[in-house]
Protein backbone atom coordinates (compact mmCIF):
# COMPACT_ATOMS: atom_id res chain seq x y z
CA MET A 1 -12.97 -32.56 0.56
CA SER A 2 -13.50 -28.82 0.42
CA ASP A 3 -14.52 -26.72 -2.43
CA ASP A 4 -12.54 -23.71 -1.40
CA THR A 5 -9.50 -23.94 -4.07
CA SER A 6 -7.73 -20.95 -2.60
CA LYS A 7 -4.43 -21.53 -1.11
CA THR A 8 -2.89 -19.41 1.55
CA HIS A 9 0.93 -18.48 1.52
CA TYR A 10 2.57 -17.13 4.74
CA ILE A 11 5.59 -14.98 3.72
CA CYS A 12 8.74 -13.48 5.61
CA GLN A 13 10.24 -10.55 3.57
CA THR A 14 13.30 -9.02 4.53
CA TYR A 15 14.73 -5.50 3.44
CA ILE A 16 18.19 -4.12 3.28
CA GLU A 17 19.03 -0.46 3.17
CA THR A 18 19.66 1.35 -0.04
CA LYS A 19 21.86 4.54 -0.31
CA SER A 20 20.74 7.41 -2.10
CA THR A 21 21.73 7.13 -5.85
CA LYS A 22 21.07 9.99 -8.62
CA GLY A 23 18.67 12.02 -6.72
CA ALA A 24 16.84 8.85 -5.46
CA PRO A 25 16.46 9.10 -1.52
CA ALA A 26 18.27 6.44 0.65
CA GLY A 27 15.32 3.83 1.59
CA VAL A 28 14.76 0.11 1.59
CA LYS A 29 14.70 -2.85 -0.78
CA ILE A 30 13.53 -6.47 -0.61
CA ASP A 31 16.48 -8.74 0.34
CA LYS A 32 14.91 -12.30 0.62
CA GLN A 33 11.51 -13.95 0.84
CA PHE A 34 10.76 -17.10 2.53
CA GLN A 35 7.63 -19.10 2.26
CA TYR A 36 6.19 -20.67 5.13
CA THR A 37 3.20 -23.28 6.02
CA THR A 38 1.96 -21.34 9.05
CA ALA A 39 1.70 -17.62 10.12
CA GLU A 40 3.45 -18.40 13.40
CA GLU A 41 6.49 -19.50 11.04
CA ALA A 42 6.56 -16.48 9.06
CA GLU A 43 6.33 -14.20 12.12
CA SER A 44 9.02 -15.92 13.86
CA ARG A 45 11.35 -15.87 10.96
CA ALA A 46 10.68 -12.08 10.47
CA GLU A 47 11.56 -11.33 14.28
CA ARG A 48 14.96 -13.51 13.77
CA ALA A 49 15.87 -11.73 10.76
CA SER A 50 15.36 -8.49 11.98
CA GLN A 51 17.74 -8.92 14.52
CA SER A 52 20.42 -9.41 12.02
CA PRO A 53 22.98 -6.58 11.71
CA ASP A 54 22.58 -6.40 7.79
CA CYS A 55 18.84 -6.60 7.79
CA ALA A 56 17.23 -3.09 7.91
CA GLY A 57 13.62 -4.63 8.62
CA ALA A 58 11.30 -7.68 7.90
CA ASP A 59 7.43 -8.09 7.00
CA ALA A 60 5.60 -11.39 7.84
CA TYR A 61 2.33 -11.34 5.76
CA MET A 62 -0.27 -13.54 4.03
CA ILE A 63 -1.69 -13.63 0.57
CA VAL A 64 -4.51 -15.66 -0.41
CA GLU A 65 -4.07 -17.22 -4.11
CA ASP A 66 -6.93 -18.27 -6.35
CA PRO A 67 -5.38 -21.17 -8.50
CA SER A 68 -8.18 -21.00 -10.90
CA SER A 69 -8.09 -17.35 -11.85
CA GLY A 70 -4.32 -16.60 -10.77
CA GLU A 71 -5.75 -13.88 -8.73
CA ILE A 72 -3.81 -12.94 -5.30
CA SER A 73 -5.15 -10.99 -2.60
CA PRO A 74 -3.79 -7.87 -1.15
CA PRO A 75 -1.06 -8.82 1.47
CA THR A 76 -2.52 -8.91 5.13
CA PHE A 77 0.30 -8.12 7.54
CA LEU A 78 1.04 -10.22 10.49
CA ALA A 79 4.27 -8.38 11.67
CA ARG A 80 6.07 -5.22 10.62
CA ILE A 81 9.61 -5.17 12.26
CA GLY A 82 12.14 -2.36 11.77
CA ASN A 83 12.71 -0.42 8.68
CA VAL A 84 9.93 -1.38 6.33
CA PRO A 85 8.42 0.34 3.29
CA GLU A 86 5.30 2.30 3.51
CA PHE A 87 2.19 -0.32 2.47
CA ASP A 88 1.77 2.21 -0.57
CA ASP A 89 5.17 1.32 -1.73
CA PHE A 90 4.69 -2.37 -1.31
């Protein structure tokens, strides 16, 4: 058994477009999140989701969680398709 207790999560996150409101510019917001066991599954879902007419874009990324401390790493992007927020907005 490994003494590495970190857990890797593979996530596909989809976005929908938002209309400008009260001076806030139009942009995108998170629509749905799906968690997978492999990077390939997350990337495949992002590619399929981005083809939907109501999906503005999709990200597939991984994060590493340390269950003992609850800390989560910054995301490592596997795929960024379509209209997705800047990394700084993530």
